[in-house]
Amino acid sequence: MKSLKIGDKVIYPNQGLGVVEAIQQQAYDGQLFQVYNLRIICNNTLVTVPSATVLELGIRRPVTEDSIRKIFQFMGNGDVDVTTDWKGRYKEHLNLMKSGTLHDMATVLKSLYFLSRQKPLSFREKKMMEKAKELIVSEISETVAVPCSKIETKLLGTLSRSFKTAKPRVAA
């Protein structure tokens, strides 16, 4: 990723949309390092990130409108992979959430939404589904400049329609 500037919007994996508030030089162990101060929008948290670790952490710019169209196509196609072992499924979903890509978060949301229509989710899976939905909705909302409530309605409507006749691919 090219160098960030003050005011740039970024996606911090598993945290959501953030804005670069400041770029500073900080000394650590006798060396100067460039750091970004990121304000996470959803909870107003200030996070300091060394510029050298931005890519390693998965911090990225918000997706394009073309990517959003592809996400809605993916969410609406009715195909879903389901792992029956909940521990394995949870671990897999956790790793997808940590990646921070919109597609990976959409995969988690789609899978958990499908499962929630089949049976009650565990507390952890419910929380993860809500987090995935929140992160997806906030990023799409920012990109297309449409209120979160409208994006959420469209997203859930797409999922609902796609699973009316869906048949899962079950993996043990």
N, C-alpha and C. Protein backbone atom coordinates (compact mmCIF):
# COMPACT_ATOMS: atom_id res chain seq x y z
N MET A 1 0.86 -1.18 0.00
CA MET A 1 0.00 0.00 0.00
C MET A 1 0.90 1.23 0.00
N LYS A 2 0.52 2.18 -0.82
CA LYS A 2 1.29 3.42 -0.85
C LYS A 2 1.13 4.14 0.49
N SER A 3 1.99 5.07 0.72
CA SER A 3 1.99 5.81 1.98
C SER A 3 0.64 6.47 2.23
N LEU A 4 0.25 6.45 3.47
CA LEU A 4 -1.02 7.07 3.86
C LEU A 4 -0.82 8.54 4.17
N LYS A 5 -1.92 9.29 4.03
CA LYS A 5 -1.92 10.71 4.36
C LYS A 5 -2.99 10.97 5.43
N ILE A 6 -2.83 12.07 6.13
CA ILE A 6 -3.84 12.46 7.11
C ILE A 6 -5.18 12.62 6.39
N GLY A 7 -6.22 12.03 6.98
CA GLY A 7 -7.56 12.09 6.39
C GLY A 7 -7.91 10.86 5.57
N ASP A 8 -6.92 10.04 5.20
CA ASP A 8 -7.20 8.82 4.45
C ASP A 8 -8.04 7.86 5.28
N LYS A 9 -8.96 7.19 4.61
CA LYS A 9 -9.78 6.18 5.27
C LYS A 9 -9.17 4.82 4.99
N VAL A 10 -9.15 3.98 6.01
CA VAL A 10 -8.58 2.64 5.91
C VAL A 10 -9.49 1.64 6.62
N ILE A 11 -9.28 0.38 6.28
CA ILE A 11 -9.97 -0.71 6.96
C ILE A 11 -8.95 -1.44 7.81
N TYR A 12 -9.21 -1.51 9.11
CA TYR A 12 -8.35 -2.24 10.05
C TYR A 12 -9.06 -3.57 10.32
N PRO A 13 -8.43 -4.69 9.95
CA PRO A 13 -9.10 -5.99 10.10
C PRO A 13 -9.69 -6.21 11.50
N ASN A 14 -10.91 -6.69 11.49
CA ASN A 14 -11.67 -7.02 12.69
C ASN A 14 -11.98 -5.82 13.57
N GLN A 15 -11.60 -4.61 13.14
CA GLN A 15 -11.92 -3.39 13.88
C GLN A 15 -12.86 -2.50 13.08
N GLY A 16 -12.63 -2.43 11.77
CA GLY A 16 -13.51 -1.65 10.91
C GLY A 16 -12.84 -0.43 10.30
N LEU A 17 -13.68 0.49 9.92
CA LEU A 17 -13.26 1.69 9.23
C LEU A 17 -12.52 2.63 10.18
N GLY A 18 -11.40 3.15 9.70
CA GLY A 18 -10.63 4.11 10.48
C GLY A 18 -10.18 5.26 9.61
N VAL A 19 -9.77 6.34 10.25
CA VAL A 19 -9.27 7.52 9.56
C VAL A 19 -7.89 7.85 10.11
N VAL A 20 -6.95 8.16 9.21
CA VAL A 20 -5.62 8.56 9.64
C VAL A 20 -5.72 9.97 10.21
N GLU A 21 -5.50 10.10 11.52
CA GLU A 21 -5.59 11.41 12.18
C GLU A 21 -4.25 12.12 12.24
N ALA A 22 -3.17 11.36 12.35
CA ALA A 22 -1.85 11.98 12.46
C ALA A 22 -0.79 10.99 11.98
N ILE A 23 0.31 11.56 11.50
CA ILE A 23 1.48 10.78 11.13
C ILE A 23 2.63 11.39 11.91
N GLN A 24 3.30 10.56 12.71
CA GLN A 24 4.33 11.09 13.61
C GLN A 24 5.59 10.24 13.53
N GLN A 25 6.66 10.81 14.05
CA GLN A 25 7.91 10.07 14.25
C GLN A 25 7.98 9.78 15.75
N GLN A 26 8.19 8.52 16.10
CA GLN A 26 8.33 8.16 17.50
C GLN A 26 9.64 7.41 17.69
N ALA A 27 10.28 7.70 18.81
CA ALA A 27 11.54 7.03 19.13
C ALA A 27 11.25 5.78 19.94
N TYR A 28 11.94 4.71 19.58
CA TYR A 28 11.84 3.47 20.32
C TYR A 28 13.21 2.79 20.26
N ASP A 29 13.75 2.52 21.41
CA ASP A 29 15.04 1.85 21.51
C ASP A 29 16.13 2.57 20.70
N GLY A 30 16.09 3.91 20.77
CA GLY A 30 17.11 4.73 20.12
C GLY A 30 16.92 4.92 18.63
N GLN A 31 15.83 4.41 18.06
CA GLN A 31 15.57 4.58 16.63
C GLN A 31 14.25 5.32 16.43
N LEU A 32 14.18 6.08 15.33
CA LEU A 32 12.95 6.78 14.98
C LEU A 32 12.11 5.92 14.04
N PHE A 33 10.82 5.86 14.32
CA PHE A 33 9.88 5.12 13.49
C PHE A 33 8.72 6.01 13.13
N GLN A 34 8.24 5.85 11.89
CA GLN A 34 7.02 6.57 11.49
C GLN A 34 5.82 5.76 11.95
N VAL A 35 4.86 6.42 12.59
CA VAL A 35 3.64 5.75 13.04
C VAL A 35 2.42 6.53 12.55
N TYR A 36 1.34 5.77 12.34
CA TYR A 36 0.05 6.36 11.98
C TYR A 36 -0.86 6.29 13.20
N ASN A 37 -1.54 7.38 13.47
CA ASN A 37 -2.59 7.38 14.49
C ASN A 37 -3.91 7.23 13.75
N LEU A 38 -4.55 6.09 13.97
CA LEU A 38 -5.81 5.78 13.29
C LEU A 38 -6.96 5.89 14.28
N ARG A 39 -8.00 6.61 13.91
CA ARG A 39 -9.22 6.70 14.71
C ARG A 39 -10.21 5.69 14.14
N ILE A 40 -10.55 4.68 14.94
CA ILE A 40 -11.53 3.67 14.53
C ILE A 40 -12.92 4.29 14.72
N ILE A 41 -13.66 4.37 13.64
CA ILE A 41 -14.93 5.12 13.63
C ILE A 41 -15.99 4.53 14.55
N CYS A 42 -16.17 3.20 14.51
CA CYS A 42 -17.30 2.60 15.22
C CYS A 42 -17.24 2.78 16.73
N ASN A 43 -16.03 2.85 17.31
CA ASN A 43 -15.94 2.98 18.77
C ASN A 43 -15.06 4.15 19.22
N ASN A 44 -14.65 4.98 18.26
CA ASN A 44 -13.88 6.19 18.54
C ASN A 44 -12.54 5.92 19.24
N THR A 45 -11.97 4.75 18.98
CA THR A 45 -10.70 4.37 19.57
C THR A 45 -9.55 4.92 18.73
N LEU A 46 -8.49 5.36 19.40
CA LEU A 46 -7.29 5.80 18.70
C LEU A 46 -6.26 4.69 18.78
N VAL A 47 -5.76 4.25 17.61
CA VAL A 47 -4.80 3.17 17.52
C VAL A 47 -3.53 3.72 16.87
N THR A 48 -2.38 3.42 17.46
CA THR A 48 -1.10 3.82 16.88
C THR A 48 -0.49 2.60 16.19
N VAL A 49 -0.19 2.76 14.90
CA VAL A 49 0.32 1.66 14.10
C VAL A 49 1.64 2.07 13.44
N PRO A 50 2.72 1.33 13.69
CA PRO A 50 3.97 1.62 12.97
C PRO A 50 3.77 1.42 11.47
N SER A 51 4.29 2.34 10.68
CA SER A 51 4.08 2.25 9.23
C SER A 51 4.65 0.95 8.66
N ALA A 52 5.69 0.42 9.27
CA ALA A 52 6.30 -0.81 8.77
C ALA A 52 5.40 -2.03 8.94
N THR A 53 4.40 -1.96 9.80
CA THR A 53 3.54 -3.13 10.05
C THR A 53 2.17 -3.02 9.40
N VAL A 54 1.92 -1.97 8.64
CA VAL A 54 0.60 -1.76 8.05
C VAL A 54 0.18 -2.96 7.20
N LEU A 55 1.04 -3.41 6.30
CA LEU A 55 0.69 -4.54 5.44
C LEU A 55 0.57 -5.84 6.24
N GLU A 56 1.46 -6.04 7.18
CA GLU A 56 1.44 -7.24 8.01
C GLU A 56 0.13 -7.35 8.80
N LEU A 57 -0.37 -6.22 9.25
CA LEU A 57 -1.63 -6.21 10.00
C LEU A 57 -2.85 -6.33 9.09
N GLY A 58 -2.66 -6.17 7.80
CA GLY A 58 -3.78 -6.27 6.86
C GLY A 58 -4.55 -4.98 6.70
N ILE A 59 -3.99 -3.88 7.16
CA ILE A 59 -4.67 -2.59 7.00
C ILE A 59 -4.69 -2.26 5.51
N ARG A 60 -5.86 -1.87 5.03
CA ARG A 60 -6.03 -1.62 3.60
C ARG A 60 -7.01 -0.48 3.37
N ARG A 61 -7.06 -0.03 2.14
CA ARG A 61 -8.03 1.00 1.77
C ARG A 61 -9.39 0.33 1.56
N PRO A 62 -10.49 1.08 1.70
CA PRO A 62 -11.81 0.50 1.43
C PRO A 62 -11.90 0.01 -0.01
N VAL A 63 -12.78 -0.94 -0.25
CA VAL A 63 -12.95 -1.54 -1.57
C VAL A 63 -13.61 -0.57 -2.54
N THR A 64 -13.56 -0.95 -3.82
CA THR A 64 -14.18 -0.15 -4.88
C THR A 64 -15.64 -0.56 -5.06
N GLU A 65 -16.38 0.24 -5.80
CA GLU A 65 -17.78 -0.08 -6.07
C GLU A 65 -17.90 -1.36 -6.88
N ASP A 66 -16.93 -1.63 -7.77
CA ASP A 66 -16.94 -2.87 -8.55
C ASP A 66 -16.82 -4.08 -7.61
N SER A 67 -15.96 -3.98 -6.61
CA SER A 67 -15.81 -5.06 -5.63
C SER A 67 -17.10 -5.28 -4.85
N ILE A 68 -17.80 -4.21 -4.58
CA ILE A 68 -19.07 -4.32 -3.84
C ILE A 68 -20.10 -5.07 -4.67
N ARG A 69 -20.17 -4.79 -5.96
CA ARG A 69 -21.09 -5.54 -6.83
C ARG A 69 -20.78 -7.04 -6.78
N LYS A 70 -19.48 -7.36 -6.82
CA LYS A 70 -19.09 -8.77 -6.76
C LYS A 70 -19.47 -9.41 -5.43
N ILE A 71 -19.36 -8.64 -4.34
CA ILE A 71 -19.74 -9.17 -3.02
C ILE A 71 -21.24 -9.46 -2.99
N PHE A 72 -22.06 -8.56 -3.52
CA PHE A 72 -23.50 -8.81 -3.53
C PHE A 72 -23.85 -10.01 -4.43
N GLN A 73 -23.12 -10.19 -5.53
CA GLN A 73 -23.34 -11.37 -6.37
C GLN A 73 -22.98 -12.64 -5.59
N PHE A 74 -21.85 -12.60 -4.88
CA PHE A 74 -21.43 -13.74 -4.06
C PHE A 74 -22.46 -14.04 -2.98
N MET A 75 -22.95 -13.01 -2.32
CA MET A 75 -23.91 -13.21 -1.24
C MET A 75 -25.24 -13.74 -1.77
N GLY A 76 -25.56 -13.43 -3.00
CA GLY A 76 -26.85 -13.81 -3.55
C GLY A 76 -26.87 -15.10 -4.35
N ASN A 77 -25.72 -15.78 -4.47
CA ASN A 77 -25.70 -16.96 -5.35
C ASN A 77 -26.23 -18.24 -4.70
N GLY A 78 -26.46 -18.25 -3.41
CA GLY A 78 -27.06 -19.42 -2.75
C GLY A 78 -26.12 -20.55 -2.44
N ASP A 79 -24.88 -20.48 -2.91
CA ASP A 79 -23.91 -21.53 -2.59
C ASP A 79 -23.27 -21.23 -1.25
N VAL A 80 -23.18 -22.27 -0.42
CA VAL A 80 -22.56 -22.07 0.89
C VAL A 80 -21.88 -23.37 1.31
N ASP A 81 -20.68 -23.23 1.85
CA ASP A 81 -19.97 -24.38 2.41
C ASP A 81 -20.17 -24.36 3.91
N VAL A 82 -20.55 -25.51 4.46
CA VAL A 82 -20.82 -25.60 5.89
C VAL A 82 -19.98 -26.72 6.49
N THR A 83 -19.24 -26.40 7.51
CA THR A 83 -18.49 -27.40 8.26
C THR A 83 -19.35 -27.78 9.46
N THR A 84 -19.58 -29.07 9.64
CA THR A 84 -20.48 -29.51 10.71
C THR A 84 -19.84 -29.41 12.08
N ASP A 85 -18.52 -29.56 12.16
CA ASP A 85 -17.81 -29.46 13.44
C ASP A 85 -17.75 -27.99 13.85
N TRP A 86 -18.47 -27.61 14.91
CA TRP A 86 -18.57 -26.18 15.25
C TRP A 86 -17.23 -25.60 15.68
N LYS A 87 -16.37 -26.40 16.33
CA LYS A 87 -15.06 -25.87 16.74
C LYS A 87 -14.20 -25.55 15.53
N GLY A 88 -14.19 -26.45 14.57
CA GLY A 88 -13.43 -26.22 13.34
C GLY A 88 -14.00 -25.06 12.55
N ARG A 89 -15.32 -24.98 12.51
CA ARG A 89 -16.00 -23.90 11.80
C ARG A 89 -15.67 -22.57 12.45
N TYR A 90 -15.72 -22.52 13.77
CA TYR A 90 -15.44 -21.27 14.49
C TYR A 90 -14.00 -20.82 14.23
N LYS A 91 -13.06 -21.75 14.29
CA LYS A 91 -11.66 -21.42 14.06
C LYS A 91 -11.45 -20.91 12.63
N GLU A 92 -12.07 -21.58 11.68
CA GLU A 92 -11.97 -21.16 10.27
C GLU A 92 -12.55 -19.75 10.10
N HIS A 93 -13.71 -19.52 10.69
CA HIS A 93 -14.33 -18.20 10.59
C HIS A 93 -13.49 -17.13 11.28
N LEU A 94 -12.90 -17.47 12.40
CA LEU A 94 -12.04 -16.52 13.12
C LEU A 94 -10.85 -16.10 12.24
N ASN A 95 -10.24 -17.07 11.56
CA ASN A 95 -9.12 -16.76 10.67
C ASN A 95 -9.57 -15.89 9.49
N LEU A 96 -10.76 -16.16 8.96
CA LEU A 96 -11.28 -15.33 7.87
C LEU A 96 -11.53 -13.90 8.35
N MET A 97 -12.05 -13.75 9.55
CA MET A 97 -12.30 -12.40 10.08
C MET A 97 -10.99 -11.65 10.29
N LYS A 98 -9.96 -12.35 10.73
CA LYS A 98 -8.66 -11.71 10.97
C LYS A 98 -8.01 -11.23 9.68
N SER A 99 -8.33 -11.90 8.56
CA SER A 99 -7.73 -11.50 7.28
C SER A 99 -8.15 -10.08 6.90
N GLY A 100 -9.38 -9.74 7.26
CA GLY A 100 -9.86 -8.39 7.01
C GLY A 100 -10.35 -8.09 5.61
N THR A 101 -10.30 -9.08 4.70
CA THR A 101 -10.80 -8.79 3.35
C THR A 101 -12.32 -8.83 3.36
N LEU A 102 -12.91 -8.04 2.52
CA LEU A 102 -14.37 -7.99 2.46
C LEU A 102 -14.93 -9.35 2.04
N HIS A 103 -14.28 -10.01 1.12
CA HIS A 103 -14.76 -11.33 0.68
C HIS A 103 -14.74 -12.34 1.82
N ASP A 104 -13.67 -12.35 2.60
CA ASP A 104 -13.59 -13.30 3.71
C ASP A 104 -14.67 -13.02 4.76
N MET A 105 -14.90 -11.74 5.05
CA MET A 105 -15.95 -11.41 6.01
C MET A 105 -17.32 -11.79 5.45
N ALA A 106 -17.51 -11.61 4.13
CA ALA A 106 -18.77 -12.00 3.50
C ALA A 106 -18.96 -13.50 3.56
N THR A 107 -17.88 -14.25 3.44
CA THR A 107 -17.95 -15.71 3.54
C THR A 107 -18.44 -16.12 4.94
N VAL A 108 -17.91 -15.47 5.96
CA VAL A 108 -18.32 -15.75 7.34
C VAL A 108 -19.80 -15.41 7.53
N LEU A 109 -20.19 -14.21 7.10
CA LEU A 109 -21.58 -13.79 7.26
C LEU A 109 -22.52 -14.73 6.53
N LYS A 110 -22.19 -15.07 5.31
CA LYS A 110 -23.05 -15.94 4.50
C LYS A 110 -23.22 -17.31 5.15
N SER A 111 -22.12 -17.89 5.61
CA SER A 111 -22.16 -19.20 6.25
C SER A 111 -22.99 -19.17 7.53
N LEU A 112 -22.71 -18.19 8.38
CA LEU A 112 -23.42 -18.11 9.66
C LEU A 112 -24.89 -17.74 9.47
N TYR A 113 -25.18 -16.89 8.50
CA TYR A 113 -26.57 -16.54 8.23
C TYR A 113 -27.33 -17.80 7.80
N PHE A 114 -26.71 -18.58 6.91
CA PHE A 114 -27.34 -19.82 6.47
C PHE A 114 -27.59 -20.75 7.66
N LEU A 115 -26.56 -20.94 8.48
CA LEU A 115 -26.71 -21.81 9.66
C LEU A 115 -27.79 -21.31 10.61
N SER A 116 -27.88 -19.99 10.76
CA SER A 116 -28.88 -19.43 11.68
C SER A 116 -30.30 -19.72 11.22
N ARG A 117 -30.47 -19.98 9.93
CA ARG A 117 -31.80 -20.34 9.41
C ARG A 117 -32.10 -21.82 9.61
N GLN A 118 -31.03 -22.59 9.90
CA GLN A 118 -31.20 -24.03 10.08
C GLN A 118 -31.36 -24.41 11.56
N LYS A 119 -30.63 -23.68 12.42
CA LYS A 119 -30.63 -23.99 13.85
C LYS A 119 -30.11 -22.77 14.60
N PRO A 120 -30.36 -22.72 15.91
CA PRO A 120 -29.83 -21.59 16.70
C PRO A 120 -28.30 -21.62 16.72
N LEU A 121 -27.70 -20.46 16.56
CA LEU A 121 -26.25 -20.35 16.64
C LEU A 121 -25.81 -20.26 18.10
N SER A 122 -24.57 -20.65 18.34
CA SER A 122 -24.00 -20.46 19.67
C SER A 122 -23.82 -18.97 19.90
N PHE A 123 -23.62 -18.59 21.15
CA PHE A 123 -23.41 -17.18 21.49
C PHE A 123 -22.24 -16.60 20.70
N ARG A 124 -21.13 -17.35 20.64
CA ARG A 124 -19.93 -16.87 19.92
C ARG A 124 -20.21 -16.69 18.43
N GLU A 125 -20.92 -17.62 17.85
CA GLU A 125 -21.22 -17.51 16.42
C GLU A 125 -22.19 -16.36 16.15
N LYS A 126 -23.14 -16.15 17.04
CA LYS A 126 -24.04 -15.00 16.87
C LYS A 126 -23.25 -13.69 16.89
N LYS A 127 -22.32 -13.58 17.85
CA LYS A 127 -21.49 -12.38 17.95
C LYS A 127 -20.64 -12.20 16.70
N MET A 128 -20.08 -13.29 16.22
CA MET A 128 -19.23 -13.21 15.03
C MET A 128 -20.06 -12.81 13.81
N MET A 129 -21.27 -13.34 13.69
CA MET A 129 -22.13 -12.98 12.57
C MET A 129 -22.48 -11.50 12.61
N GLU A 130 -22.79 -10.99 13.79
CA GLU A 130 -23.10 -9.57 13.93
C GLU A 130 -21.88 -8.69 13.61
N LYS A 131 -20.71 -9.12 14.06
CA LYS A 131 -19.48 -8.37 13.79
C LYS A 131 -19.19 -8.34 12.30
N ALA A 132 -19.31 -9.48 11.63
CA ALA A 132 -19.07 -9.55 10.18
C ALA A 132 -20.05 -8.63 9.45
N LYS A 133 -21.32 -8.68 9.86
CA LYS A 133 -22.33 -7.83 9.22
C LYS A 133 -22.00 -6.35 9.44
N GLU A 134 -21.64 -5.99 10.66
CA GLU A 134 -21.30 -4.60 10.98
C GLU A 134 -20.11 -4.10 10.15
N LEU A 135 -19.08 -4.92 10.05
CA LEU A 135 -17.88 -4.52 9.30
C LEU A 135 -18.18 -4.38 7.81
N ILE A 136 -18.93 -5.32 7.26
CA ILE A 136 -19.28 -5.27 5.83
C ILE A 136 -20.15 -4.04 5.55
N VAL A 137 -21.17 -3.85 6.36
CA VAL A 137 -22.10 -2.74 6.15
C VAL A 137 -21.38 -1.40 6.25
N SER A 138 -20.51 -1.24 7.24
CA SER A 138 -19.83 0.05 7.41
C SER A 138 -18.89 0.34 6.24
N GLU A 139 -18.20 -0.67 5.75
CA GLU A 139 -17.29 -0.45 4.62
C GLU A 139 -18.05 -0.12 3.35
N ILE A 140 -19.10 -0.86 3.07
CA ILE A 140 -19.89 -0.60 1.87
C ILE A 140 -20.54 0.78 1.96
N SER A 141 -21.07 1.10 3.13
CA SER A 141 -21.71 2.39 3.35
C SER A 141 -20.75 3.54 3.06
N GLU A 142 -19.53 3.41 3.54
CA GLU A 142 -18.51 4.44 3.32
C GLU A 142 -18.17 4.57 1.84
N THR A 143 -18.04 3.44 1.16
CA THR A 143 -17.64 3.46 -0.25
C THR A 143 -18.70 4.07 -1.14
N VAL A 144 -19.96 3.71 -0.92
CA VAL A 144 -21.02 4.18 -1.82
C VAL A 144 -21.79 5.38 -1.26
N ALA A 145 -21.43 5.84 -0.08
CA ALA A 145 -22.06 7.01 0.55
C ALA A 145 -23.58 6.84 0.69
N VAL A 146 -23.97 5.67 1.21
CA VAL A 146 -25.37 5.35 1.48
C VAL A 146 -25.45 4.99 2.96
N PRO A 147 -26.52 5.41 3.66
CA PRO A 147 -26.63 5.10 5.09
C PRO A 147 -26.53 3.61 5.39
N CYS A 148 -25.91 3.31 6.52
CA CYS A 148 -25.72 1.92 6.95
C CYS A 148 -27.03 1.14 6.99
N SER A 149 -28.11 1.79 7.43
CA SER A 149 -29.39 1.08 7.55
C SER A 149 -29.87 0.57 6.19
N LYS A 150 -29.66 1.34 5.13
CA LYS A 150 -30.08 0.90 3.79
C LYS A 150 -29.19 -0.23 3.28
N ILE A 151 -27.90 -0.15 3.56
CA ILE A 151 -26.98 -1.21 3.14
C ILE A 151 -27.33 -2.50 3.87
N GLU A 152 -27.59 -2.41 5.18
CA GLU A 152 -27.93 -3.60 5.95
C GLU A 152 -29.20 -4.25 5.43
N THR A 153 -30.20 -3.45 5.13
CA THR A 153 -31.46 -3.97 4.59
C THR A 153 -31.22 -4.69 3.28
N LYS A 154 -30.43 -4.09 2.40
CA LYS A 154 -30.13 -4.71 1.10
C LYS A 154 -29.34 -6.01 1.28
N LEU A 155 -28.37 -5.99 2.17
CA LEU A 155 -27.53 -7.16 2.41
C LEU A 155 -28.35 -8.32 2.96
N LEU A 156 -29.15 -8.06 3.97
CA LEU A 156 -29.96 -9.12 4.58
C LEU A 156 -31.03 -9.62 3.60
N GLY A 157 -31.57 -8.71 2.80
CA GLY A 157 -32.54 -9.12 1.77
C GLY A 157 -31.90 -10.03 0.74
N THR A 158 -30.68 -9.71 0.33
CA THR A 158 -29.95 -10.53 -0.62
C THR A 158 -29.70 -11.93 -0.05
N LEU A 159 -29.26 -11.98 1.21
CA LEU A 159 -29.02 -13.27 1.86
C LEU A 159 -30.31 -14.07 1.98
N SER A 160 -31.36 -13.42 2.39
CA SER A 160 -32.64 -14.10 2.59
C SER A 160 -33.14 -14.72 1.28
N ARG A 161 -33.07 -13.95 0.20
CA ARG A 161 -33.51 -14.45 -1.11
C ARG A 161 -32.62 -15.60 -1.59
N SER A 162 -31.33 -15.51 -1.33
CA SER A 162 -30.42 -16.53 -1.85
C SER A 162 -30.59 -17.87 -1.15
N PHE A 163 -31.12 -17.87 0.06
CA PHE A 163 -31.23 -19.13 0.80
C PHE A 163 -32.64 -19.69 0.84
N LYS A 164 -33.54 -19.17 0.02
CA LYS A 164 -34.89 -19.75 -0.01
C LYS A 164 -34.86 -21.19 -0.47
N THR A 165 -33.97 -21.50 -1.43
CA THR A 165 -33.90 -22.87 -1.96
C THR A 165 -32.47 -23.41 -1.91
N ALA A 166 -31.63 -22.82 -1.09
CA ALA A 166 -30.22 -23.20 -1.07
C ALA A 166 -30.01 -24.59 -0.51
N LYS A 167 -29.02 -25.26 -1.06
CA LYS A 167 -28.59 -26.56 -0.55
C LYS A 167 -27.12 -26.43 -0.18
N PRO A 168 -26.81 -26.65 1.09
CA PRO A 168 -25.42 -26.49 1.51
C PRO A 168 -24.53 -27.63 1.03
N ARG A 169 -23.26 -27.32 0.85
CA ARG A 169 -22.24 -28.35 0.66
C ARG A 169 -21.67 -28.60 2.04
N VAL A 170 -21.89 -29.80 2.57
CA VAL A 170 -21.49 -30.09 3.94
C VAL A 170 -20.13 -30.78 3.94
N ALA A 171 -19.25 -30.25 4.78
CA ALA A 171 -17.95 -30.87 4.98
C ALA A 171 -17.84 -31.31 6.43
N ALA A 172 -17.36 -32.49 6.65
CA ALA A 172 -17.25 -33.01 8.02
C ALA A 172 -16.06 -32.44 8.74
